[in-house]
């Protein structure tokens, strides 16, 4: 069932051994970066002030949120365009729904 859902969401999925190898390699690189960053933070915890580590954590969290929102905004605009809205109208609707959702979340 999950492969069918993924095909509908993103088109055809390349399940060739080469594509799977590249994906696994990227996962390993990301995991190694996370492990390295954690090791540096643990090793340097006595040498760095807490506000420096907090700033680094805030920066990395901001980058992750930015990337996630950028991907969602692109996908939302594409979906509005596929639904028949022109480019500027699709972009306007995208931002209205995003800020509307942020407002509702803030009220709740």
N, C-alpha and C. Protein backbone atom coordinates (compact mmCIF):
# COMPACT_ATOMS: atom_id res chain seq x y z
N UNK A 1 0.81 -1.19 0.00
CA UNK A 1 0.00 0.00 0.00
C UNK A 1 0.86 1.26 0.00
N UNK A 2 1.91 1.30 0.82
CA UNK A 2 2.77 2.48 0.88
C UNK A 2 3.42 2.78 -0.47
N UNK A 3 3.93 1.79 -1.20
CA UNK A 3 4.51 2.12 -2.52
C UNK A 3 3.49 2.76 -3.46
N UNK A 4 2.23 2.33 -3.40
CA UNK A 4 1.20 2.93 -4.26
C UNK A 4 0.97 4.39 -3.89
N UNK A 5 0.94 4.68 -2.59
CA UNK A 5 0.74 6.05 -2.15
C UNK A 5 1.92 6.91 -2.58
N UNK A 6 3.13 6.40 -2.43
CA UNK A 6 4.31 7.16 -2.83
C UNK A 6 4.33 7.42 -4.33
N UNK A 7 3.90 6.45 -5.13
CA UNK A 7 3.86 6.66 -6.58
C UNK A 7 2.88 7.77 -6.93
N UNK A 8 1.72 7.80 -6.25
CA UNK A 8 0.75 8.84 -6.54
C UNK A 8 1.26 10.21 -6.12
N UNK A 9 2.00 10.29 -5.04
CA UNK A 9 2.46 11.57 -4.54
C UNK A 9 3.61 12.14 -5.36
N UNK A 10 4.54 11.32 -5.76
CA UNK A 10 5.74 11.85 -6.40
C UNK A 10 6.03 11.25 -7.77
N UNK A 11 5.08 10.62 -8.38
CA UNK A 11 5.33 10.01 -9.68
C UNK A 11 5.99 8.65 -9.51
N UNK A 12 6.64 8.18 -10.54
CA UNK A 12 7.28 6.88 -10.48
C UNK A 12 8.51 6.91 -9.58
N UNK A 13 8.71 5.84 -8.87
CA UNK A 13 9.84 5.72 -7.96
C UNK A 13 10.89 4.84 -8.62
N UNK A 14 12.12 5.33 -8.63
CA UNK A 14 13.22 4.56 -9.18
C UNK A 14 13.72 3.59 -8.12
N UNK A 15 13.47 2.30 -8.34
CA UNK A 15 13.89 1.28 -7.37
C UNK A 15 15.06 0.47 -7.90
N UNK A 16 15.81 1.05 -8.81
CA UNK A 16 16.96 0.34 -9.34
C UNK A 16 18.03 0.20 -8.25
N UNK A 17 18.88 -0.81 -8.35
CA UNK A 17 19.93 -0.97 -7.34
C UNK A 17 20.82 0.26 -7.21
N UNK A 18 21.08 0.94 -8.31
CA UNK A 18 21.92 2.14 -8.26
C UNK A 18 21.23 3.25 -7.46
N UNK A 19 19.94 3.47 -7.69
CA UNK A 19 19.21 4.51 -6.96
C UNK A 19 19.13 4.18 -5.47
N UNK A 20 18.91 2.93 -5.15
CA UNK A 20 18.85 2.51 -3.75
C UNK A 20 20.22 2.69 -3.10
N UNK A 21 21.28 2.36 -3.83
CA UNK A 21 22.63 2.55 -3.30
C UNK A 21 22.94 4.01 -3.02
N UNK A 22 22.54 4.89 -3.95
CA UNK A 22 22.76 6.32 -3.75
C UNK A 22 21.98 6.80 -2.53
N UNK A 23 20.74 6.37 -2.41
CA UNK A 23 19.92 6.77 -1.26
C UNK A 23 20.53 6.29 0.05
N UNK A 24 20.97 5.06 0.08
CA UNK A 24 21.59 4.53 1.31
C UNK A 24 22.90 5.25 1.62
N UNK A 25 23.65 5.58 0.58
CA UNK A 25 24.88 6.35 0.79
C UNK A 25 24.60 7.72 1.38
N UNK A 26 23.56 8.39 0.90
CA UNK A 26 23.19 9.70 1.44
C UNK A 26 22.74 9.58 2.89
N UNK A 27 22.01 8.53 3.21
CA UNK A 27 21.58 8.31 4.59
C UNK A 27 22.80 8.10 5.49
N UNK A 28 23.76 7.31 5.02
CA UNK A 28 24.97 7.06 5.82
C UNK A 28 25.78 8.34 6.03
N UNK A 29 25.87 9.18 5.01
CA UNK A 29 26.60 10.44 5.13
C UNK A 29 25.89 11.35 6.14
N UNK A 30 24.57 11.42 6.07
CA UNK A 30 23.82 12.24 7.02
C UNK A 30 23.99 11.73 8.44
N UNK A 31 23.94 10.41 8.61
CA UNK A 31 24.12 9.83 9.94
C UNK A 31 25.53 10.09 10.47
N UNK A 32 26.52 10.00 9.59
CA UNK A 32 27.90 10.26 10.02
C UNK A 32 28.07 11.72 10.43
N UNK A 33 27.44 12.63 9.71
CA UNK A 33 27.50 14.04 10.07
C UNK A 33 26.86 14.30 11.42
N UNK A 34 25.72 13.65 11.67
CA UNK A 34 25.06 13.80 12.96
C UNK A 34 25.93 13.25 14.08
N UNK A 35 26.50 12.09 13.86
CA UNK A 35 27.36 11.48 14.88
C UNK A 35 28.59 12.34 15.13
N UNK A 36 29.18 12.87 14.07
CA UNK A 36 30.36 13.73 14.22
C UNK A 36 30.01 15.00 14.99
N UNK A 37 28.88 15.62 14.65
CA UNK A 37 28.46 16.82 15.37
C UNK A 37 28.21 16.55 16.85
N UNK A 38 27.58 15.42 17.14
CA UNK A 38 27.36 15.05 18.54
C UNK A 38 28.66 14.80 19.28
N UNK A 39 29.60 14.13 18.61
CA UNK A 39 30.90 13.86 19.23
C UNK A 39 31.66 15.16 19.50
N UNK A 40 31.60 16.11 18.58
CA UNK A 40 32.27 17.39 18.78
C UNK A 40 31.63 18.14 19.95
N UNK A 41 30.30 18.12 20.02
CA UNK A 41 29.61 18.81 21.11
C UNK A 41 29.96 18.20 22.45
N UNK A 42 30.04 16.88 22.51
CA UNK A 42 30.39 16.21 23.77
C UNK A 42 31.84 16.49 24.14
N UNK A 43 32.73 16.42 23.15
CA UNK A 43 34.15 16.64 23.43
C UNK A 43 34.44 18.08 23.83
N UNK A 44 33.69 19.02 23.28
CA UNK A 44 33.97 20.43 23.53
C UNK A 44 33.07 21.03 24.61
N UNK A 45 32.26 20.23 25.27
CA UNK A 45 31.30 20.80 26.22
C UNK A 45 31.97 21.54 27.38
N UNK A 46 33.18 21.16 27.74
CA UNK A 46 33.88 21.86 28.81
C UNK A 46 34.60 23.12 28.33
N UNK A 47 34.77 23.24 27.01
CA UNK A 47 35.51 24.36 26.46
C UNK A 47 34.60 25.43 25.86
N UNK A 48 33.36 25.07 25.57
CA UNK A 48 32.43 26.02 24.96
C UNK A 48 31.39 26.46 25.98
N UNK A 49 31.03 27.70 25.90
CA UNK A 49 29.99 28.21 26.79
C UNK A 49 28.63 27.70 26.31
N UNK A 50 27.70 27.49 27.23
CA UNK A 50 26.38 26.96 26.85
C UNK A 50 25.66 27.80 25.80
N UNK A 51 25.84 29.12 25.83
CA UNK A 51 25.12 29.94 24.85
C UNK A 51 25.66 29.73 23.44
N UNK A 52 26.90 29.32 23.28
CA UNK A 52 27.44 29.03 21.95
C UNK A 52 26.80 27.76 21.40
N UNK A 53 26.71 26.73 22.24
CA UNK A 53 26.06 25.49 21.81
C UNK A 53 24.58 25.73 21.53
N UNK A 54 23.93 26.56 22.35
CA UNK A 54 22.52 26.87 22.12
C UNK A 54 22.34 27.62 20.80
N UNK A 55 23.24 28.52 20.49
CA UNK A 55 23.17 29.24 19.22
C UNK A 55 23.35 28.31 18.03
N UNK A 56 24.28 27.37 18.14
CA UNK A 56 24.49 26.41 17.06
C UNK A 56 23.26 25.53 16.87
N UNK A 57 22.64 25.13 17.97
CA UNK A 57 21.43 24.32 17.89
C UNK A 57 20.29 25.11 17.25
N UNK A 58 20.15 26.38 17.62
CA UNK A 58 19.11 27.21 17.05
C UNK A 58 19.33 27.43 15.55
N UNK A 59 20.57 27.61 15.15
CA UNK A 59 20.89 27.78 13.74
C UNK A 59 20.53 26.53 12.94
N UNK A 60 20.91 25.38 13.44
CA UNK A 60 20.62 24.14 12.71
C UNK A 60 19.11 23.88 12.67
N UNK A 61 18.40 24.20 13.74
CA UNK A 61 16.94 24.04 13.73
C UNK A 61 16.30 24.98 12.72
N UNK A 62 16.79 26.20 12.64
CA UNK A 62 16.27 27.16 11.67
C UNK A 62 16.50 26.71 10.24
N UNK A 63 17.65 26.14 9.97
CA UNK A 63 17.93 25.63 8.62
C UNK A 63 16.98 24.49 8.26
N UNK A 64 16.74 23.59 9.21
CA UNK A 64 15.83 22.47 8.94
C UNK A 64 14.40 22.96 8.70
N UNK A 65 13.94 23.92 9.50
CA UNK A 65 12.59 24.45 9.31
C UNK A 65 12.49 25.17 7.96
N UNK A 66 13.50 25.95 7.61
CA UNK A 66 13.50 26.65 6.33
C UNK A 66 13.41 25.68 5.16
N UNK A 67 14.20 24.63 5.19
CA UNK A 67 14.18 23.65 4.10
C UNK A 67 12.82 22.97 4.02
N UNK A 68 12.26 22.60 5.16
CA UNK A 68 10.95 21.94 5.17
C UNK A 68 9.87 22.86 4.61
N UNK A 69 9.85 24.12 5.04
CA UNK A 69 8.84 25.05 4.55
C UNK A 69 9.01 25.33 3.06
N UNK A 70 10.24 25.45 2.60
CA UNK A 70 10.48 25.70 1.18
C UNK A 70 9.94 24.55 0.34
N UNK A 71 10.20 23.32 0.76
CA UNK A 71 9.69 22.17 0.03
C UNK A 71 8.17 22.14 0.02
N UNK A 72 7.56 22.43 1.17
CA UNK A 72 6.10 22.40 1.24
C UNK A 72 5.48 23.51 0.40
N UNK A 73 6.09 24.70 0.40
CA UNK A 73 5.54 25.80 -0.38
C UNK A 73 5.61 25.50 -1.87
N UNK A 74 6.72 24.94 -2.33
CA UNK A 74 6.83 24.58 -3.75
C UNK A 74 5.78 23.55 -4.14
N UNK A 75 5.60 22.54 -3.29
CA UNK A 75 4.62 21.49 -3.59
C UNK A 75 3.20 22.05 -3.57
N UNK A 76 2.91 22.93 -2.63
CA UNK A 76 1.57 23.52 -2.54
C UNK A 76 1.28 24.37 -3.77
N UNK A 77 2.23 25.19 -4.18
CA UNK A 77 2.03 26.01 -5.38
C UNK A 77 1.79 25.13 -6.60
N UNK A 78 2.56 24.07 -6.73
CA UNK A 78 2.37 23.14 -7.85
C UNK A 78 0.99 22.52 -7.82
N UNK A 79 0.51 22.13 -6.64
CA UNK A 79 -0.82 21.53 -6.54
C UNK A 79 -1.92 22.53 -6.89
N UNK A 80 -1.77 23.79 -6.48
CA UNK A 80 -2.75 24.80 -6.87
C UNK A 80 -2.74 25.01 -8.38
N UNK A 81 -1.55 25.00 -8.99
CA UNK A 81 -1.47 25.16 -10.44
C UNK A 81 -2.11 23.98 -11.16
N UNK A 82 -1.91 22.77 -10.64
CA UNK A 82 -2.52 21.58 -11.24
C UNK A 82 -4.04 21.60 -11.07
N UNK A 83 -4.52 22.30 -10.05
CA UNK A 83 -5.96 22.41 -9.83
C UNK A 83 -6.59 23.45 -10.74
N UNK A 84 -5.78 24.17 -11.54
CA UNK A 84 -6.31 25.08 -12.52
C UNK A 84 -6.08 26.55 -12.23
N UNK A 85 -5.41 26.89 -11.16
CA UNK A 85 -5.13 28.29 -10.85
C UNK A 85 -3.88 28.74 -11.60
N UNK A 86 -3.87 30.01 -12.01
CA UNK A 86 -2.69 30.54 -12.71
C UNK A 86 -1.55 30.72 -11.71
N UNK A 87 -0.34 30.95 -12.21
CA UNK A 87 0.85 31.06 -11.37
C UNK A 87 0.74 32.06 -10.24
N UNK A 88 0.40 33.34 -10.53
CA UNK A 88 0.32 34.32 -9.45
C UNK A 88 -0.80 34.01 -8.44
N UNK A 89 -1.92 33.52 -8.93
CA UNK A 89 -3.02 33.17 -8.04
C UNK A 89 -2.63 31.98 -7.17
N UNK A 90 -1.95 31.00 -7.76
CA UNK A 90 -1.50 29.83 -7.00
C UNK A 90 -0.52 30.25 -5.91
N UNK A 91 0.40 31.15 -6.23
CA UNK A 91 1.35 31.62 -5.23
C UNK A 91 0.64 32.37 -4.11
N UNK A 92 -0.32 33.22 -4.48
CA UNK A 92 -1.08 33.97 -3.47
C UNK A 92 -1.84 33.03 -2.55
N UNK A 93 -2.51 32.04 -3.13
CA UNK A 93 -3.24 31.07 -2.32
C UNK A 93 -2.30 30.27 -1.42
N UNK A 94 -1.13 29.96 -1.93
CA UNK A 94 -0.15 29.23 -1.13
C UNK A 94 0.22 30.01 0.13
N UNK A 95 0.54 31.28 -0.06
CA UNK A 95 0.96 32.08 1.09
C UNK A 95 -0.21 32.40 2.02
N UNK A 96 -1.41 32.58 1.46
CA UNK A 96 -2.58 32.80 2.31
C UNK A 96 -2.86 31.59 3.19
N UNK A 97 -2.77 30.40 2.61
CA UNK A 97 -3.02 29.20 3.41
C UNK A 97 -1.91 28.99 4.44
N UNK A 98 -0.68 29.31 4.08
CA UNK A 98 0.41 29.14 5.04
C UNK A 98 0.24 30.09 6.23
N UNK A 99 0.05 31.37 5.94
CA UNK A 99 -0.08 32.33 7.04
C UNK A 99 -1.40 32.14 7.79
N UNK A 100 -2.45 31.70 7.08
CA UNK A 100 -3.69 31.38 7.78
C UNK A 100 -3.52 30.24 8.74
N UNK A 101 -2.78 29.21 8.32
CA UNK A 101 -2.51 28.08 9.20
C UNK A 101 -1.66 28.48 10.40
N UNK A 102 -0.69 29.36 10.17
CA UNK A 102 0.13 29.86 11.27
C UNK A 102 -0.73 30.65 12.26
N UNK A 103 -1.66 31.44 11.72
CA UNK A 103 -2.55 32.21 12.60
C UNK A 103 -3.46 31.32 13.42
N UNK A 104 -4.03 30.30 12.79
CA UNK A 104 -4.89 29.37 13.51
C UNK A 104 -4.08 28.64 14.58
N UNK A 105 -2.87 28.21 14.24
CA UNK A 105 -2.02 27.55 15.21
C UNK A 105 -1.67 28.45 16.38
N UNK A 106 -1.48 29.71 16.10
CA UNK A 106 -1.15 30.67 17.16
C UNK A 106 -2.34 30.88 18.10
N UNK A 107 -3.55 30.92 17.53
CA UNK A 107 -4.75 31.10 18.35
C UNK A 107 -4.99 29.89 19.23
N UNK A 108 -4.76 28.72 18.65
CA UNK A 108 -4.98 27.48 19.42
C UNK A 108 -3.93 27.36 20.48
